[in-house]
Structure formats: C-alpha cells, structure tokens
C-alpha cells in the first residue's frame, strides 16, 4: 500500500456504550454548578445545586399495576421544583447527585435498556412555588 492512501482496514478505537460521556440520558461533570433537566415534553430547565434539598430513590409503585413499567423512581427536590425520574439503574444518578456531579438528565428510548446499565425513560418537573 502506498503511504498516501488511507488505510480503510483500521478499526476506530473501542468505546464503551456505558461510558458516561456518550450516555444518551445522563451526564457527569465534576464541575457542574447546576443540573440540566429535559422533560418528556421537550422543555429544558436548569436547576442550581445551591437550591438542592434532597432526593429519594424507591421502587416504582406503578409496577404493582403495570409490570412493564420502569422498575425505579427517583424524586429530586430543589427549592421551587421537584424532578421525578423513572428508569433503571438509578443508583448511578443518586451517587453523582450526592457529589453534585450530575450535569443533566433526559429521557431515552426504553429499547436502550439492553445496552445501558442506567436508563432514564421518563422525566417530569413540577414547579412547587407559585412565584418561580
């Protein structure tokens, strides 16, 4: 092969589909000052970590009536807003949130559950104060 020809046999470097930098529904940033939320209806919100109150991760109560429902539910409370995330493997979100490193969350197609350990399928945000 001549040196001026492109070698089309080389494979691109392997990347893990579970790598947080390429994850379709969650983001990790050790310098995050705020948490970006994209809801199911396509709206985008930015919530400052300075207003973070608490989070609660539980089994999704909807599983009792709908076995195909996402297995986990996480409620993330800020001053003036509550974010509800449904999905699987939400322990990762909890861990990043604890260290203020969760930079964004948005829903992804449930068919990706075969590829990712952590999958967010539903994101809703409710404003909890009238003057927000």
C-alpha atoms as a PDB file:
ATOM      1  CA  UNK A   1       0.000   0.000   0.000  1.00  0.00           C
ATOM      2  CA  UNK A   2       1.263   3.465  -0.826  1.00  0.00           C
ATOM      3  CA  UNK A   3       1.786   5.843   2.053  1.00  0.00           C
ATOM      4  CA  UNK A   4      -0.583   8.460   0.618  1.00  0.00           C
ATOM      5  CA  UNK A   5      -3.563   6.069   0.642  1.00  0.00           C
ATOM      6  CA  UNK A   6      -5.937   5.882   3.563  1.00  0.00           C
ATOM      7  CA  UNK A   7      -5.909   2.550   5.341  1.00  0.00           C
ATOM      8  CA  UNK A   8      -9.587   1.629   5.427  1.00  0.00           C
ATOM      9  CA  UNK A   9      -8.892  -1.572   7.394  1.00  0.00           C
ATOM     10  CA  UNK A  10      -8.139   0.214  10.661  1.00  0.00           C
ATOM     11  CA  UNK A  11     -10.887  -0.052  13.235  1.00  0.00           C
ATOM     12  CA  UNK A  12     -11.865   3.047  15.233  1.00  0.00           C
ATOM     13  CA  UNK A  13     -10.839   2.995  18.890  1.00  0.00           C
ATOM     14  CA  UNK A  14     -13.204   0.951  21.003  1.00  0.00           C
ATOM     15  CA  UNK A  15     -15.512   2.923  23.268  1.00  0.00           C
ATOM     16  CA  UNK A  16     -17.835   1.582  25.882  1.00  0.00           C
ATOM     17  CA  UNK A  17     -21.527   2.203  25.285  1.00  0.00           C
ATOM     18  CA  UNK A  18     -21.893   2.696  29.006  1.00  0.00           C
ATOM     19  CA  UNK A  19     -19.299   5.487  29.037  1.00  0.00           C
ATOM     20  CA  UNK A  20     -20.951   8.468  30.749  1.00  0.00           C
ATOM     21  CA  UNK A  21     -19.574  10.917  28.164  1.00  0.00           C
ATOM     22  CA  UNK A  22     -21.676   9.288  25.453  1.00  0.00           C
ATOM     23  CA  UNK A  23     -24.712   8.332  27.527  1.00  0.00           C
ATOM     24  CA  UNK A  24     -27.984   9.437  25.900  1.00  0.00           C
ATOM     25  CA  UNK A  25     -29.884  10.279  29.083  1.00  0.00           C
ATOM     26  CA  UNK A  26     -27.447  11.279  31.858  1.00  0.00           C
ATOM     27  CA  UNK A  27     -24.385  13.465  32.089  1.00  0.00           C
ATOM     28  CA  UNK A  28     -21.466  13.586  34.503  1.00  0.00           C
ATOM     29  CA  UNK A  29     -19.393  16.700  35.221  1.00  0.00           C
ATOM     30  CA  UNK A  30     -17.297  17.136  38.379  1.00  0.00           C
ATOM     31  CA  UNK A  31     -17.528  20.922  37.936  1.00  0.00           C
ATOM     32  CA  UNK A  32     -21.304  21.142  37.484  1.00  0.00           C
ATOM     33  CA  UNK A  33     -22.873  24.108  39.266  1.00  0.00           C
ATOM     34  CA  UNK A  34     -26.368  23.312  38.032  1.00  0.00           C
ATOM     35  CA  UNK A  35     -28.465  20.362  36.960  1.00  0.00           C
ATOM     36  CA  UNK A  36     -29.986  20.480  33.465  1.00  0.00           C
ATOM     37  CA  UNK A  37     -33.332  18.713  33.091  1.00  0.00           C
ATOM     38  CA  UNK A  38     -35.030  17.908  29.785  1.00  0.00           C
ATOM     39  CA  UNK A  39     -38.565  16.685  30.396  1.00  0.00           C
ATOM     40  CA  UNK A  40     -40.676  14.268  28.364  1.00  0.00           C
ATOM     41  CA  UNK A  41     -42.463  17.179  26.690  1.00  0.00           C
ATOM     42  CA  UNK A  42     -39.137  18.609  25.448  1.00  0.00           C
ATOM     43  CA  UNK A  43     -38.883  21.532  27.870  1.00  0.00           C
ATOM     44  CA  UNK A  44     -35.475  22.305  29.337  1.00  0.00           C
ATOM     45  CA  UNK A  45     -34.796  23.546  32.874  1.00  0.00           C
ATOM     46  CA  UNK A  46     -31.582  24.479  34.687  1.00  0.00           C
ATOM     47  CA  UNK A  47     -31.654  23.981  38.472  1.00  0.00           C
ATOM     48  CA  UNK A  48     -28.755  25.283  40.602  1.00  0.00           C
ATOM     49  CA  UNK A  49     -27.205  22.799  43.034  1.00  0.00           C
ATOM     50  CA  UNK A  50     -27.239  25.594  45.643  1.00  0.00           C
ATOM     51  CA  UNK A  51     -31.028  25.012  45.807  1.00  0.00           C
ATOM     52  CA  UNK A  52     -30.860  21.210  46.049  1.00  0.00           C
ATOM     53  CA  UNK A  53     -32.787  19.910  49.067  1.00  0.00           C
ATOM     54  CA  UNK A  54     -32.911  16.105  48.929  1.00  0.00           C
ATOM     55  CA  UNK A  55     -33.525  13.091  46.715  1.00  0.00           C
ATOM     56  CA  UNK A  56     -35.377   9.830  47.280  1.00  0.00           C
ATOM     57  CA  UNK A  57     -34.894   6.627  45.235  1.00  0.00           C
ATOM     58  CA  UNK A  58     -37.506   3.891  45.542  1.00  0.00           C
ATOM     59  CA  UNK A  59     -39.113   1.063  43.643  1.00  0.00           C
ATOM     60  CA  UNK A  60     -41.663   2.424  41.184  1.00  0.00           C
ATOM     61  CA  UNK A  61     -45.137   1.973  42.738  1.00  0.00           C
ATOM     62  CA  UNK A  62     -46.615   1.650  39.230  1.00  0.00           C
ATOM     63  CA  UNK A  63     -45.019  -1.819  38.984  1.00  0.00           C
ATOM     64  CA  UNK A  64     -47.885  -3.273  41.018  1.00  0.00           C
ATOM     65  CA  UNK A  65     -50.391  -2.457  38.255  1.00  0.00           C
ATOM     66  CA  UNK A  66     -48.127  -2.402  35.202  1.00  0.00           C
ATOM     67  CA  UNK A  67     -45.288  -4.975  35.221  1.00  0.00           C
ATOM     68  CA  UNK A  68     -43.703  -3.342  32.140  1.00  0.00           C
ATOM     69  CA  UNK A  69     -43.282  -0.017  33.996  1.00  0.00           C
ATOM     70  CA  UNK A  70     -39.757   1.224  34.769  1.00  0.00           C
ATOM     71  CA  UNK A  71     -38.507  -0.508  37.943  1.00  0.00           C
ATOM     72  CA  UNK A  72     -37.194   2.546  39.817  1.00  0.00           C
ATOM     73  CA  UNK A  73     -38.390   6.025  40.728  1.00  0.00           C
ATOM     74  CA  UNK A  74     -36.246   8.903  41.919  1.00  0.00           C
ATOM     75  CA  UNK A  75     -37.664  12.176  43.246  1.00  0.00           C
ATOM     76  CA  UNK A  76     -35.164  15.032  43.257  1.00  0.00           C
ATOM     77  CA  UNK A  77     -36.259  18.061  45.287  1.00  0.00           C
ATOM     78  CA  UNK A  78     -34.992  21.602  44.811  1.00  0.00           C
ATOM     79  CA  UNK A  79     -36.267  24.871  46.248  1.00  0.00           C
ATOM     80  CA  UNK A  80     -39.203  25.553  43.948  1.00  0.00           C
ATOM     81  CA  UNK A  81     -39.111  22.359  41.861  1.00  0.00           C
ATOM     82  CA  UNK A  82     -39.454  18.589  42.038  1.00  0.00           C
ATOM     83  CA  UNK A  83     -37.952  16.368  39.343  1.00  0.00           C
ATOM     84  CA  UNK A  84     -39.304  12.812  39.024  1.00  0.00           C
ATOM     85  CA  UNK A  85     -37.168  10.334  37.112  1.00  0.00           C
ATOM     86  CA  UNK A  86     -38.335   6.835  36.160  1.00  0.00           C
ATOM     87  CA  UNK A  87     -35.953   4.209  34.840  1.00  0.00           C
ATOM     88  CA  UNK A  88     -33.480   1.523  35.838  1.00  0.00           C
ATOM     89  CA  UNK A  89     -30.035   1.616  37.443  1.00  0.00           C
ATOM     90  CA  UNK A  90     -30.768   4.964  39.089  1.00  0.00           C
ATOM     91  CA  UNK A  91     -28.176   4.318  41.803  1.00  0.00           C
ATOM     92  CA  UNK A  92     -25.647   5.985  39.466  1.00  0.00           C
ATOM     93  CA  UNK A  93     -27.760   9.165  39.384  1.00  0.00           C
ATOM     94  CA  UNK A  94     -28.031   9.094  43.159  1.00  0.00           C
ATOM     95  CA  UNK A  95     -24.263   8.775  43.536  1.00  0.00           C
ATOM     96  CA  UNK A  96     -23.477  11.616  41.111  1.00  0.00           C
ATOM     97  CA  UNK A  97     -26.161  13.817  42.654  1.00  0.00           C
ATOM     98  CA  UNK A  98     -24.702  13.236  46.117  1.00  0.00           C
ATOM     99  CA  UNK A  99     -21.395  14.704  44.890  1.00  0.00           C
ATOM    100  CA  UNK A 100     -23.080  17.462  42.777  1.00  0.00           C
ATOM    101  CA  UNK A 101     -21.712  15.849  39.610  1.00  0.00           C
ATOM    102  CA  UNK A 102     -24.953  15.002  37.787  1.00  0.00           C
ATOM    103  CA  UNK A 103     -24.926  17.539  34.965  1.00  0.00           C
ATOM    104  CA  UNK A 104     -28.062  16.546  33.024  1.00  0.00           C
ATOM    105  CA  UNK A 105     -30.897  14.081  32.772  1.00  0.00           C
ATOM    106  CA  UNK A 106     -33.288  13.449  29.889  1.00  0.00           C
ATOM    107  CA  UNK A 107     -35.483  10.555  28.775  1.00  0.00           C
ATOM    108  CA  UNK A 108     -34.254   7.950  26.307  1.00  0.00           C
ATOM    109  CA  UNK A 109     -35.975   5.159  24.407  1.00  0.00           C
ATOM    110  CA  UNK A 110     -36.694   2.159  26.648  1.00  0.00           C
ATOM    111  CA  UNK A 111     -35.265  -0.161  23.968  1.00  0.00           C
ATOM    112  CA  UNK A 112     -31.798   1.052  25.041  1.00  0.00           C
ATOM    113  CA  UNK A 113     -32.126  -0.875  28.323  1.00  0.00           C
ATOM    114  CA  UNK A 114     -30.294  -3.782  26.675  1.00  0.00           C
ATOM    115  CA  UNK A 115     -27.278  -1.519  26.096  1.00  0.00           C
ATOM    116  CA  UNK A 116     -27.044   0.726  29.189  1.00  0.00           C
ATOM    117  CA  UNK A 117     -26.915  -0.185  32.882  1.00  0.00           C
ATOM    118  CA  UNK A 118     -28.564   3.133  33.738  1.00  0.00           C
ATOM    119  CA  UNK A 119     -31.562   4.156  31.672  1.00  0.00           C
ATOM    120  CA  UNK A 120     -33.948   7.050  32.217  1.00  0.00           C
ATOM    121  CA  UNK A 121     -37.276   6.554  30.452  1.00  0.00           C
ATOM    122  CA  UNK A 122     -39.416   9.341  31.943  1.00  0.00           C
ATOM    123  CA  UNK A 123     -38.569  12.779  33.338  1.00  0.00           C
ATOM    124  CA  UNK A 124     -41.136  15.207  34.741  1.00  0.00           C
ATOM    125  CA  UNK A 125     -40.650  18.504  36.548  1.00  0.00           C
ATOM    126  CA  UNK A 126     -43.217  20.186  38.772  1.00  0.00           C
ATOM    127  CA  UNK A 127     -42.748  23.742  39.965  1.00  0.00           C
ATOM    128  CA  UNK A 128     -43.599  23.781  43.667  1.00  0.00           C
ATOM    129  CA  UNK A 129     -43.852  27.537  44.260  1.00  0.00           C
ATOM    130  CA  UNK A 130     -46.264  29.924  42.583  1.00  0.00           C
ATOM    131  CA  UNK A 131     -43.679  32.682  42.082  1.00  0.00           C
ATOM    132  CA  UNK A 132     -40.969  30.582  40.495  1.00  0.00           C
END
